């Protein structure tokens, strides 16, 4: 079985490098216009409930049934959401979080460990269910953070969290042959469903 782990299209927050987190930020006009229909046709796509993921999936997979999975949503950055690093360069809470390699809990939000446990549990359950029913393909449309958490925990080759964020409307194709025996997914390729600007 192949697993497609995809990221939503571009938003204005992406352009401005703002922390989106769990804010329900829509695709930008440019981001929506750049999307192109995918070269695969799954019956079902599992999506983060945030509109940027849902709307991306609607364009890429117009015939698919979309199934929202609450725990696939992006990390909650708490009081940092809606702001970018330039606006917070003197914020003591932000500086403390960055100084801890962004591992601590964001004030009013999640820690990276809490987020990773949440989103990886949701993802692993989807893989288990898909394999149990003999599916040939599993498609997940979520966020950059979701990709980084899942890929760091389960993907081969092994890589650091921050190296696993694909571009907007892009992601990874994973071979699940070793999932049931080793809990691992082998990187089989990459996918991109956005036109170059």
N, C-alpha and C. Protein backbone atom coordinates (compact mmCIF):
# COMPACT_ATOMS: atom_id res chain seq x y z
N UNK A 1 0.83 -1.19 0.00
CA UNK A 1 0.00 0.00 0.00
C UNK A 1 0.87 1.25 0.00
N UNK A 2 0.51 2.22 -0.82
CA UNK A 2 1.18 3.51 -0.82
C UNK A 2 0.39 4.51 0.01
N UNK A 3 1.10 5.30 0.80
CA UNK A 3 0.51 6.36 1.60
C UNK A 3 0.97 7.69 1.04
N UNK A 4 0.02 8.56 0.74
CA UNK A 4 0.31 9.92 0.29
C UNK A 4 0.07 10.85 1.47
N UNK A 5 1.13 11.48 1.94
CA UNK A 5 1.04 12.41 3.07
C UNK A 5 1.29 13.82 2.52
N UNK A 6 0.21 14.59 2.38
CA UNK A 6 0.26 15.85 1.64
C UNK A 6 -0.01 17.06 2.53
N UNK A 7 0.51 18.20 2.08
CA UNK A 7 0.32 19.47 2.77
C UNK A 7 -0.63 20.36 1.95
N UNK A 8 -1.39 21.17 2.64
CA UNK A 8 -2.34 22.08 2.02
C UNK A 8 -1.66 23.11 1.11
N UNK A 9 -2.45 23.77 0.27
CA UNK A 9 -1.96 24.83 -0.60
C UNK A 9 -1.59 26.09 0.18
N UNK A 10 -1.09 27.06 -0.55
CA UNK A 10 -0.55 28.27 0.07
C UNK A 10 -1.64 29.20 0.62
N UNK A 11 -1.33 29.80 1.77
CA UNK A 11 -2.19 30.81 2.39
C UNK A 11 -1.40 32.12 2.50
N UNK A 12 -2.11 33.20 2.81
CA UNK A 12 -1.41 34.47 3.05
C UNK A 12 -0.48 34.36 4.25
N UNK A 13 -0.86 33.57 5.25
CA UNK A 13 0.01 33.36 6.41
C UNK A 13 1.32 32.69 6.00
N UNK A 14 1.25 31.74 5.05
CA UNK A 14 2.47 31.12 4.55
C UNK A 14 3.39 32.17 3.95
N UNK A 15 2.83 33.05 3.14
CA UNK A 15 3.62 34.08 2.47
C UNK A 15 4.28 35.00 3.48
N UNK A 16 3.52 35.38 4.52
CA UNK A 16 4.03 36.30 5.54
C UNK A 16 4.80 35.59 6.65
N UNK A 17 4.97 34.27 6.53
CA UNK A 17 5.67 33.45 7.52
C UNK A 17 5.08 33.59 8.93
N UNK A 18 3.74 33.61 8.97
CA UNK A 18 3.04 33.70 10.24
C UNK A 18 2.72 32.29 10.76
N UNK A 19 2.71 32.16 12.06
CA UNK A 19 2.29 30.90 12.67
C UNK A 19 0.78 30.76 12.48
N UNK A 20 0.36 29.74 11.73
CA UNK A 20 -1.06 29.51 11.50
C UNK A 20 -1.67 28.65 12.59
N UNK A 21 -0.99 27.54 12.86
CA UNK A 21 -1.48 26.63 13.89
C UNK A 21 -2.90 26.20 13.64
N UNK A 22 -3.73 26.31 14.67
CA UNK A 22 -5.11 25.84 14.59
C UNK A 22 -6.07 26.93 14.11
N UNK A 23 -5.55 28.11 13.76
CA UNK A 23 -6.42 29.13 13.15
C UNK A 23 -6.91 28.61 11.81
N UNK A 24 -8.15 28.90 11.49
CA UNK A 24 -8.74 28.36 10.26
C UNK A 24 -8.51 29.34 9.11
N UNK A 25 -7.28 29.40 8.64
CA UNK A 25 -6.85 30.34 7.62
C UNK A 25 -7.13 29.74 6.23
N UNK A 26 -7.84 30.48 5.36
CA UNK A 26 -8.16 29.94 4.04
C UNK A 26 -6.97 29.99 3.08
N UNK A 27 -7.09 29.28 1.99
CA UNK A 27 -6.12 29.39 0.91
C UNK A 27 -6.14 30.82 0.38
N UNK A 28 -4.98 31.30 -0.05
CA UNK A 28 -4.95 32.60 -0.73
C UNK A 28 -5.46 32.42 -2.16
N UNK A 29 -5.83 33.51 -2.80
CA UNK A 29 -6.26 33.41 -4.20
C UNK A 29 -5.15 32.81 -5.06
N UNK A 30 -3.93 33.26 -4.83
CA UNK A 30 -2.79 32.74 -5.59
C UNK A 30 -2.57 31.26 -5.28
N UNK A 31 -2.71 30.91 -4.01
CA UNK A 31 -2.53 29.52 -3.61
C UNK A 31 -3.55 28.60 -4.25
N UNK A 32 -4.81 29.04 -4.26
CA UNK A 32 -5.87 28.24 -4.88
C UNK A 32 -5.64 28.11 -6.39
N UNK A 33 -5.26 29.23 -7.03
CA UNK A 33 -5.05 29.23 -8.48
C UNK A 33 -3.90 28.32 -8.89
N UNK A 34 -2.93 28.13 -8.00
CA UNK A 34 -1.76 27.30 -8.32
C UNK A 34 -2.04 25.81 -8.25
N UNK A 35 -3.10 25.42 -7.57
CA UNK A 35 -3.40 24.00 -7.40
C UNK A 35 -3.80 23.34 -8.71
N UNK A 36 -3.39 22.09 -8.86
CA UNK A 36 -3.82 21.32 -10.04
C UNK A 36 -4.31 19.95 -9.58
N UNK A 37 -5.21 19.42 -10.35
CA UNK A 37 -5.79 18.12 -10.01
C UNK A 37 -4.69 17.07 -9.91
N UNK A 38 -4.82 16.20 -8.93
CA UNK A 38 -3.82 15.16 -8.70
C UNK A 38 -3.86 14.10 -9.79
N UNK A 39 -2.77 13.35 -9.89
CA UNK A 39 -2.66 12.28 -10.87
C UNK A 39 -3.10 10.93 -10.30
N UNK A 40 -3.70 10.95 -9.12
CA UNK A 40 -4.27 9.75 -8.51
C UNK A 40 -5.74 10.07 -8.21
N UNK A 41 -6.56 9.00 -8.10
CA UNK A 41 -7.99 9.20 -7.86
C UNK A 41 -8.47 8.31 -6.72
N UNK A 42 -8.14 8.70 -5.48
CA UNK A 42 -8.60 7.91 -4.34
C UNK A 42 -10.11 8.05 -4.15
N UNK A 43 -10.72 7.02 -3.58
CA UNK A 43 -12.14 7.10 -3.24
C UNK A 43 -12.35 8.01 -2.04
N UNK A 44 -11.39 7.96 -1.12
CA UNK A 44 -11.49 8.69 0.14
C UNK A 44 -10.18 9.42 0.42
N UNK A 45 -10.28 10.64 0.96
CA UNK A 45 -9.12 11.39 1.42
C UNK A 45 -9.40 11.79 2.86
N UNK A 46 -8.46 11.50 3.73
CA UNK A 46 -8.56 11.88 5.14
C UNK A 46 -7.93 13.26 5.30
N UNK A 47 -8.68 14.19 5.88
CA UNK A 47 -8.25 15.58 5.90
C UNK A 47 -8.25 16.14 7.31
N UNK A 48 -7.33 17.08 7.55
CA UNK A 48 -7.44 17.95 8.71
C UNK A 48 -8.75 18.72 8.54
N UNK A 49 -9.44 19.03 9.63
CA UNK A 49 -10.70 19.77 9.49
C UNK A 49 -10.52 21.25 9.14
N UNK A 50 -9.29 21.76 9.15
CA UNK A 50 -9.07 23.17 8.85
C UNK A 50 -9.29 23.42 7.36
N UNK A 51 -9.90 24.56 7.03
CA UNK A 51 -10.37 24.79 5.65
C UNK A 51 -9.25 24.79 4.63
N UNK A 52 -8.05 25.17 5.00
CA UNK A 52 -6.96 25.18 4.01
C UNK A 52 -6.64 23.76 3.53
N UNK A 53 -6.81 22.77 4.40
CA UNK A 53 -6.60 21.38 4.00
C UNK A 53 -7.80 20.84 3.24
N UNK A 54 -9.00 21.11 3.74
CA UNK A 54 -10.23 20.64 3.09
C UNK A 54 -10.34 21.20 1.68
N UNK A 55 -10.12 22.51 1.53
CA UNK A 55 -10.27 23.14 0.21
C UNK A 55 -9.21 22.67 -0.77
N UNK A 56 -8.00 22.42 -0.27
CA UNK A 56 -6.95 21.86 -1.15
C UNK A 56 -7.37 20.48 -1.64
N UNK A 57 -7.87 19.65 -0.74
CA UNK A 57 -8.29 18.30 -1.12
C UNK A 57 -9.43 18.34 -2.14
N UNK A 58 -10.33 19.31 -2.01
CA UNK A 58 -11.45 19.42 -2.96
C UNK A 58 -10.96 19.69 -4.38
N UNK A 59 -9.90 20.49 -4.49
CA UNK A 59 -9.36 20.79 -5.83
C UNK A 59 -8.56 19.61 -6.37
N UNK A 60 -7.72 19.02 -5.54
CA UNK A 60 -6.84 17.93 -6.00
C UNK A 60 -7.61 16.65 -6.28
N UNK A 61 -8.64 16.40 -5.48
CA UNK A 61 -9.37 15.12 -5.54
C UNK A 61 -10.88 15.40 -5.61
N UNK A 62 -11.37 15.96 -6.71
CA UNK A 62 -12.76 16.42 -6.77
C UNK A 62 -13.80 15.31 -6.61
N UNK A 63 -13.45 14.08 -6.92
CA UNK A 63 -14.41 12.98 -6.84
C UNK A 63 -14.35 12.23 -5.51
N UNK A 64 -13.37 12.55 -4.68
CA UNK A 64 -13.16 11.78 -3.45
C UNK A 64 -14.13 12.20 -2.34
N UNK A 65 -14.41 11.25 -1.49
CA UNK A 65 -15.14 11.53 -0.24
C UNK A 65 -14.10 12.03 0.76
N UNK A 66 -14.35 13.17 1.39
CA UNK A 66 -13.42 13.74 2.36
C UNK A 66 -13.87 13.39 3.77
N UNK A 67 -12.95 12.84 4.55
CA UNK A 67 -13.24 12.44 5.92
C UNK A 67 -12.38 13.26 6.87
N UNK A 68 -12.99 14.20 7.61
CA UNK A 68 -12.21 15.00 8.55
C UNK A 68 -11.72 14.16 9.73
N UNK A 69 -10.46 14.37 10.10
CA UNK A 69 -9.87 13.70 11.26
C UNK A 69 -9.31 14.82 12.16
N UNK A 70 -9.99 15.05 13.27
CA UNK A 70 -9.70 16.20 14.13
C UNK A 70 -8.23 16.28 14.54
N UNK A 71 -7.62 15.15 14.87
CA UNK A 71 -6.25 15.17 15.40
C UNK A 71 -5.18 15.30 14.32
N UNK A 72 -5.57 15.44 13.05
CA UNK A 72 -4.59 15.74 12.01
C UNK A 72 -4.34 17.24 11.88
N UNK A 73 -5.06 18.07 12.65
CA UNK A 73 -4.88 19.52 12.52
C UNK A 73 -3.47 19.92 12.96
N UNK A 74 -3.07 21.09 12.55
CA UNK A 74 -1.73 21.61 12.81
C UNK A 74 -1.50 21.79 14.31
N UNK A 75 -0.25 21.91 14.69
CA UNK A 75 0.12 22.18 16.08
C UNK A 75 -0.51 23.49 16.54
N UNK A 76 -0.97 23.52 17.79
CA UNK A 76 -1.50 24.76 18.36
C UNK A 76 -0.34 25.57 18.93
N UNK A 77 -0.10 26.73 18.32
CA UNK A 77 1.00 27.59 18.75
C UNK A 77 0.56 28.64 19.78
N UNK A 78 -0.65 28.51 20.29
CA UNK A 78 -1.11 29.38 21.35
C UNK A 78 -1.01 30.87 21.02
N UNK A 79 -0.38 31.63 21.91
CA UNK A 79 -0.31 33.09 21.75
C UNK A 79 0.58 33.52 20.58
N UNK A 80 1.31 32.58 19.98
CA UNK A 80 2.16 32.93 18.84
C UNK A 80 1.38 32.93 17.52
N UNK A 81 0.20 32.35 17.50
CA UNK A 81 -0.56 32.25 16.26
C UNK A 81 -0.96 33.63 15.74
N UNK A 82 -0.84 33.80 14.43
CA UNK A 82 -1.15 35.06 13.79
C UNK A 82 0.02 36.03 13.73
N UNK A 83 1.14 35.65 14.33
CA UNK A 83 2.31 36.52 14.36
C UNK A 83 3.47 35.82 13.65
N UNK A 84 4.46 36.60 13.22
CA UNK A 84 5.67 36.00 12.65
C UNK A 84 6.88 36.32 13.52
N UNK A 85 7.99 35.71 13.20
CA UNK A 85 9.17 35.83 14.06
C UNK A 85 9.68 37.25 14.17
N UNK A 86 9.50 38.06 13.12
CA UNK A 86 9.95 39.45 13.17
C UNK A 86 9.15 40.23 14.22
N UNK A 87 7.86 39.99 14.26
CA UNK A 87 6.99 40.67 15.22
C UNK A 87 7.26 40.22 16.66
N UNK A 88 7.89 39.06 16.82
CA UNK A 88 8.13 38.52 18.17
C UNK A 88 9.59 38.51 18.57
N UNK A 89 10.45 39.22 17.83
CA UNK A 89 11.88 39.13 18.09
C UNK A 89 12.29 39.64 19.47
N UNK A 90 11.39 40.38 20.15
CA UNK A 90 11.68 40.84 21.51
C UNK A 90 10.70 40.27 22.54
N UNK A 91 9.85 39.36 22.11
CA UNK A 91 8.87 38.75 23.00
C UNK A 91 9.57 37.70 23.87
N UNK A 92 9.58 37.88 25.20
CA UNK A 92 10.32 36.94 26.05
C UNK A 92 9.78 35.51 26.00
N UNK A 93 8.46 35.36 25.85
CA UNK A 93 7.89 34.01 25.75
C UNK A 93 8.35 33.32 24.48
N UNK A 94 8.37 34.05 23.39
CA UNK A 94 8.80 33.48 22.12
C UNK A 94 10.30 33.16 22.15
N UNK A 95 11.09 34.07 22.69
CA UNK A 95 12.54 33.84 22.76
C UNK A 95 12.86 32.63 23.63
N UNK A 96 12.11 32.44 24.70
CA UNK A 96 12.33 31.28 25.56
C UNK A 96 11.98 29.99 24.82
N UNK A 97 10.88 30.02 24.07
CA UNK A 97 10.46 28.84 23.32
C UNK A 97 11.48 28.49 22.24
N UNK A 98 11.92 29.48 21.48
CA UNK A 98 12.93 29.25 20.43
C UNK A 98 14.25 28.81 21.05
N UNK A 99 14.60 29.38 22.20
CA UNK A 99 15.84 29.01 22.89
C UNK A 99 15.85 27.57 23.36
N UNK A 100 14.66 27.00 23.52
CA UNK A 100 14.51 25.60 23.92
C UNK A 100 14.32 24.71 22.69
N UNK A 101 14.79 25.18 21.52
CA UNK A 101 14.66 24.44 20.25
C UNK A 101 13.20 24.16 19.92
N UNK A 102 12.31 25.06 20.35
CA UNK A 102 10.87 24.96 20.07
C UNK A 102 10.27 23.66 20.61
N UNK A 103 10.85 23.15 21.69
CA UNK A 103 10.37 21.88 22.26
C UNK A 103 9.36 22.09 23.38
N UNK A 104 9.42 23.24 24.07
CA UNK A 104 8.52 23.48 25.19
C UNK A 104 7.10 23.76 24.71
N UNK A 105 6.20 23.89 25.67
CA UNK A 105 4.81 24.19 25.34
C UNK A 105 4.67 25.66 24.99
N UNK A 106 4.04 25.95 23.86
CA UNK A 106 3.72 27.33 23.51
C UNK A 106 2.69 27.83 24.53
N UNK A 107 2.87 29.04 25.06
CA UNK A 107 1.88 29.56 26.01
C UNK A 107 0.48 29.54 25.39
N UNK A 108 -0.43 28.83 26.05
CA UNK A 108 -1.78 28.69 25.53
C UNK A 108 -1.92 27.65 24.43
N UNK A 109 -0.84 26.90 24.15
CA UNK A 109 -0.86 25.92 23.06
C UNK A 109 -0.28 24.58 23.46
N UNK A 110 0.35 23.91 22.50
CA UNK A 110 0.91 22.58 22.71
C UNK A 110 2.43 22.62 22.70
N UNK A 111 3.03 21.58 23.26
CA UNK A 111 4.45 21.33 23.04
C UNK A 111 4.59 20.49 21.79
N UNK A 112 5.81 20.45 21.25
CA UNK A 112 6.02 19.63 20.05
C UNK A 112 5.76 18.15 20.34
N UNK A 113 6.13 17.69 21.54
CA UNK A 113 5.90 16.28 21.89
C UNK A 113 4.42 15.98 21.96
N UNK A 114 3.63 16.88 22.56
CA UNK A 114 2.18 16.67 22.64
C UNK A 114 1.57 16.64 21.25
N UNK A 115 1.96 17.58 20.43
CA UNK A 115 1.46 17.64 19.06
C UNK A 115 1.83 16.37 18.29
N UNK A 116 3.10 15.98 18.37
CA UNK A 116 3.56 14.80 17.62
C UNK A 116 2.81 13.55 18.06
N UNK A 117 2.62 13.38 19.38
CA UNK A 117 1.89 12.21 19.87
C UNK A 117 0.45 12.22 19.35
N UNK A 118 -0.18 13.38 19.37
CA UNK A 118 -1.57 13.49 18.91
C UNK A 118 -1.70 13.15 17.43
N UNK A 119 -0.92 13.81 16.60
CA UNK A 119 -1.08 13.64 15.16
C UNK A 119 -0.56 12.29 14.68
N UNK A 120 0.50 11.77 15.32
CA UNK A 120 1.01 10.46 14.92
C UNK A 120 0.05 9.35 15.30
N UNK A 121 -0.63 9.47 16.44
CA UNK A 121 -1.62 8.46 16.82
C UNK A 121 -2.76 8.43 15.81
N UNK A 122 -3.22 9.60 15.40
CA UNK A 122 -4.30 9.66 14.40
C UNK A 122 -3.86 9.06 13.08
N UNK A 123 -2.66 9.40 12.64
CA UNK A 123 -2.13 8.90 11.38
C UNK A 123 -1.94 7.38 11.44
N UNK A 124 -1.34 6.88 12.52
CA UNK A 124 -1.08 5.44 12.65
C UNK A 124 -2.39 4.65 12.61
N UNK A 125 -3.42 5.19 13.22
CA UNK A 125 -4.72 4.53 13.20
C UNK A 125 -5.27 4.42 11.77
N UNK A 126 -5.07 5.47 10.97
CA UNK A 126 -5.52 5.44 9.58
C UNK A 126 -4.76 4.39 8.77
N UNK A 127 -3.45 4.29 8.99
CA UNK A 127 -2.64 3.29 8.28
C UNK A 127 -3.10 1.89 8.68
N UNK A 128 -3.27 1.66 9.98
CA UNK A 128 -3.72 0.34 10.45
C UNK A 128 -5.06 -0.05 9.82
N UNK A 129 -6.00 0.89 9.82
CA UNK A 129 -7.33 0.61 9.27
C UNK A 129 -7.27 0.33 7.77
N UNK A 130 -6.47 1.12 7.05
CA UNK A 130 -6.35 0.93 5.61
C UNK A 130 -5.75 -0.43 5.27
N UNK A 131 -4.72 -0.82 5.99
CA UNK A 131 -4.10 -2.13 5.76
C UNK A 131 -5.07 -3.26 6.11
N UNK A 132 -5.82 -3.08 7.19
CA UNK A 132 -6.77 -4.13 7.62
C UNK A 132 -7.85 -4.37 6.57
N UNK A 133 -8.23 -3.34 5.84
CA UNK A 133 -9.28 -3.54 4.82
C UNK A 133 -8.69 -3.82 3.44
N UNK A 134 -7.36 -3.95 3.34
CA UNK A 134 -6.73 -4.31 2.09
C UNK A 134 -6.65 -3.18 1.08
N UNK A 135 -6.64 -1.94 1.56
CA UNK A 135 -6.56 -0.78 0.65
C UNK A 135 -5.22 -0.77 -0.08
N UNK A 136 -5.24 -0.27 -1.30
CA UNK A 136 -4.00 -0.13 -2.08
C UNK A 136 -3.39 1.26 -1.91
N UNK A 137 -4.19 2.21 -1.39
CA UNK A 137 -3.72 3.59 -1.29
C UNK A 137 -4.40 4.25 -0.09
N UNK A 138 -3.63 5.09 0.60
CA UNK A 138 -4.16 5.93 1.68
C UNK A 138 -3.69 7.35 1.41
N UNK A 139 -4.63 8.30 1.37
CA UNK A 139 -4.29 9.70 1.10
C UNK A 139 -4.69 10.54 2.30
N UNK A 140 -3.72 11.29 2.82
CA UNK A 140 -3.91 12.17 3.97
C UNK A 140 -3.52 13.58 3.56
N UNK A 141 -4.44 14.53 3.75
CA UNK A 141 -4.19 15.95 3.44
C UNK A 141 -4.20 16.72 4.75
N UNK A 142 -3.04 17.26 5.12
CA UNK A 142 -2.97 17.96 6.39
C UNK A 142 -2.04 19.17 6.31
N UNK A 143 -1.00 19.18 7.14
CA UNK A 143 -0.19 20.38 7.34
C UNK A 143 1.30 20.06 7.36
N UNK A 144 2.12 21.09 7.27
CA UNK A 144 3.57 20.92 7.35
C UNK A 144 3.98 20.27 8.66
N UNK A 145 3.38 20.72 9.76
CA UNK A 145 3.71 20.13 11.05
C UNK A 145 3.33 18.66 11.12
N UNK A 146 2.18 18.32 10.56
CA UNK A 146 1.74 16.93 10.52
C UNK A 146 2.77 16.08 9.77
N UNK A 147 3.21 16.59 8.63
CA UNK A 147 4.24 15.87 7.85
C UNK A 147 5.51 15.68 8.67
N UNK A 148 5.97 16.74 9.30
CA UNK A 148 7.24 16.65 10.03
C UNK A 148 7.15 15.65 11.18
N UNK A 149 6.04 15.68 11.92
CA UNK A 149 5.87 14.76 13.05
C UNK A 149 5.82 13.31 12.58
N UNK A 150 4.99 13.05 11.57
CA UNK A 150 4.83 11.68 11.07
C UNK A 150 6.12 11.17 10.44
N UNK A 151 6.73 11.99 9.61
CA UNK A 151 7.94 11.52 8.91
C UNK A 151 9.09 11.29 9.88
N UNK A 152 9.26 12.17 10.86
CA UNK A 152 10.34 11.95 11.84
C UNK A 152 10.14 10.65 12.60
N UNK A 153 8.89 10.35 12.94
CA UNK A 153 8.63 9.17 13.76
C UNK A 153 8.64 7.87 12.96
N UNK A 154 8.13 7.88 11.73
CA UNK A 154 7.89 6.62 11.03
C UNK A 154 8.67 6.42 9.73
N UNK A 155 9.24 7.47 9.15
CA UNK A 155 9.80 7.34 7.79
C UNK A 155 11.24 6.84 7.78
N UNK A 156 11.55 6.09 6.74
CA UNK A 156 12.93 5.71 6.40
C UNK A 156 13.20 6.27 5.02
N UNK A 157 14.34 6.96 4.83
CA UNK A 157 15.44 7.10 5.78
C UNK A 157 15.08 7.97 6.99
N UNK A 158 15.78 7.76 8.09
CA UNK A 158 15.56 8.52 9.30
C UNK A 158 16.12 9.92 9.12
N UNK A 159 15.33 10.93 9.46
CA UNK A 159 15.78 12.32 9.36
C UNK A 159 15.16 13.14 10.47
N UNK A 160 15.76 14.30 10.71
CA UNK A 160 15.29 15.24 11.72
C UNK A 160 13.93 15.84 11.35
N UNK A 161 13.15 16.18 12.34
CA UNK A 161 11.82 16.78 12.22
C UNK A 161 11.77 17.87 11.16
N UNK A 162 12.65 18.85 11.25
CA UNK A 162 12.55 20.04 10.40
C UNK A 162 12.93 19.79 8.94
N UNK A 163 13.53 18.67 8.64
CA UNK A 163 13.90 18.38 7.24
C UNK A 163 12.73 17.81 6.44
N UNK A 164 11.60 17.54 7.11
CA UNK A 164 10.51 16.82 6.47
C UNK A 164 9.32 17.68 6.06
N UNK A 165 9.47 18.99 6.00
CA UNK A 165 8.33 19.83 5.61
C UNK A 165 8.37 20.06 4.10
N UNK A 166 7.38 19.56 3.40
CA UNK A 166 7.30 19.75 1.95
C UNK A 166 6.71 21.13 1.65
N UNK A 167 6.76 21.53 0.40
CA UNK A 167 6.17 22.78 -0.02
C UNK A 167 4.65 22.70 0.01
N UNK A 168 4.02 23.83 -0.25
CA UNK A 168 2.56 23.84 -0.29
C UNK A 168 2.04 22.94 -1.40
N UNK A 169 0.98 22.21 -1.11
CA UNK A 169 0.35 21.26 -2.05
C UNK A 169 1.34 20.20 -2.51
N UNK A 170 2.24 19.83 -1.62
CA UNK A 170 3.24 18.81 -1.94
C UNK A 170 3.35 17.84 -0.77
N UNK A 171 4.09 16.77 -0.99
CA UNK A 171 4.25 15.82 0.09
C UNK A 171 5.02 14.59 -0.31
N UNK A 172 4.79 13.53 0.44
CA UNK A 172 5.60 12.32 0.34
C UNK A 172 4.73 11.11 0.02
N UNK A 173 5.32 10.20 -0.77
CA UNK A 173 4.70 8.92 -1.08
C UNK A 173 5.48 7.86 -0.31
N UNK A 174 4.77 7.10 0.50
CA UNK A 174 5.41 6.16 1.41
C UNK A 174 4.92 4.75 1.15
N UNK A 175 5.84 3.80 1.17
CA UNK A 175 5.52 2.38 0.99
C UNK A 175 5.29 1.77 2.38
N UNK A 176 4.12 1.18 2.60
CA UNK A 176 3.76 0.65 3.91
C UNK A 176 4.10 -0.82 4.10
N UNK A 177 4.95 -1.38 3.25
CA UNK A 177 5.25 -2.82 3.32
C UNK A 177 5.82 -3.24 4.68
N UNK A 178 6.55 -2.35 5.35
CA UNK A 178 7.17 -2.70 6.63
C UNK A 178 6.41 -2.15 7.84
N UNK A 179 5.22 -1.61 7.60
CA UNK A 179 4.47 -1.00 8.70
C UNK A 179 4.09 -2.02 9.77
N UNK A 180 3.50 -3.14 9.36
CA UNK A 180 3.00 -4.10 10.34
C UNK A 180 4.12 -4.84 11.06
N UNK A 181 5.27 -5.00 10.44
CA UNK A 181 6.38 -5.72 11.08
C UNK A 181 7.33 -4.82 11.84
N UNK A 182 7.54 -3.59 11.34
CA UNK A 182 8.55 -2.71 11.95
C UNK A 182 8.02 -1.33 12.34
N UNK A 183 6.77 -1.04 11.99
CA UNK A 183 6.23 0.29 12.29
C UNK A 183 6.91 1.39 11.51
N UNK A 184 7.36 1.03 10.30
CA UNK A 184 8.10 1.99 9.47
C UNK A 184 7.45 2.14 8.10
N UNK A 185 7.66 3.31 7.51
CA UNK A 185 7.20 3.60 6.15
C UNK A 185 8.41 4.03 5.33
N UNK A 186 8.62 3.38 4.21
CA UNK A 186 9.78 3.70 3.38
C UNK A 186 9.42 4.77 2.35
N UNK A 187 10.27 5.78 2.27
CA UNK A 187 10.05 6.86 1.31
C UNK A 187 10.17 6.30 -0.10
N UNK A 188 9.08 6.42 -0.87
CA UNK A 188 9.06 5.89 -2.23
C UNK A 188 9.08 6.99 -3.28
N UNK A 189 8.82 8.22 -2.86
CA UNK A 189 8.81 9.33 -3.81
C UNK A 189 8.21 10.58 -3.20
N UNK A 190 8.09 11.60 -4.03
CA UNK A 190 7.49 12.85 -3.60
C UNK A 190 6.42 13.24 -4.62
N UNK A 191 5.48 14.06 -4.17
CA UNK A 191 4.40 14.52 -5.03
C UNK A 191 4.26 16.02 -4.87
N UNK A 192 3.89 16.69 -5.96
CA UNK A 192 3.62 18.12 -5.89
C UNK A 192 2.45 18.42 -6.82
N UNK A 193 1.44 19.09 -6.27
CA UNK A 193 0.22 19.38 -7.01
C UNK A 193 -0.04 20.88 -7.09
N UNK A 194 1.02 21.65 -7.19
CA UNK A 194 0.89 23.10 -7.38
C UNK A 194 1.78 23.50 -8.56
N UNK A 195 1.25 24.39 -9.38
CA UNK A 195 2.04 24.91 -10.49
C UNK A 195 3.12 25.85 -9.95
N UNK A 196 4.27 25.84 -10.59
CA UNK A 196 5.35 26.75 -10.17
C UNK A 196 4.94 28.19 -10.49
N UNK A 197 5.28 29.07 -9.56
CA UNK A 197 4.92 30.49 -9.74
C UNK A 197 5.76 31.12 -10.84
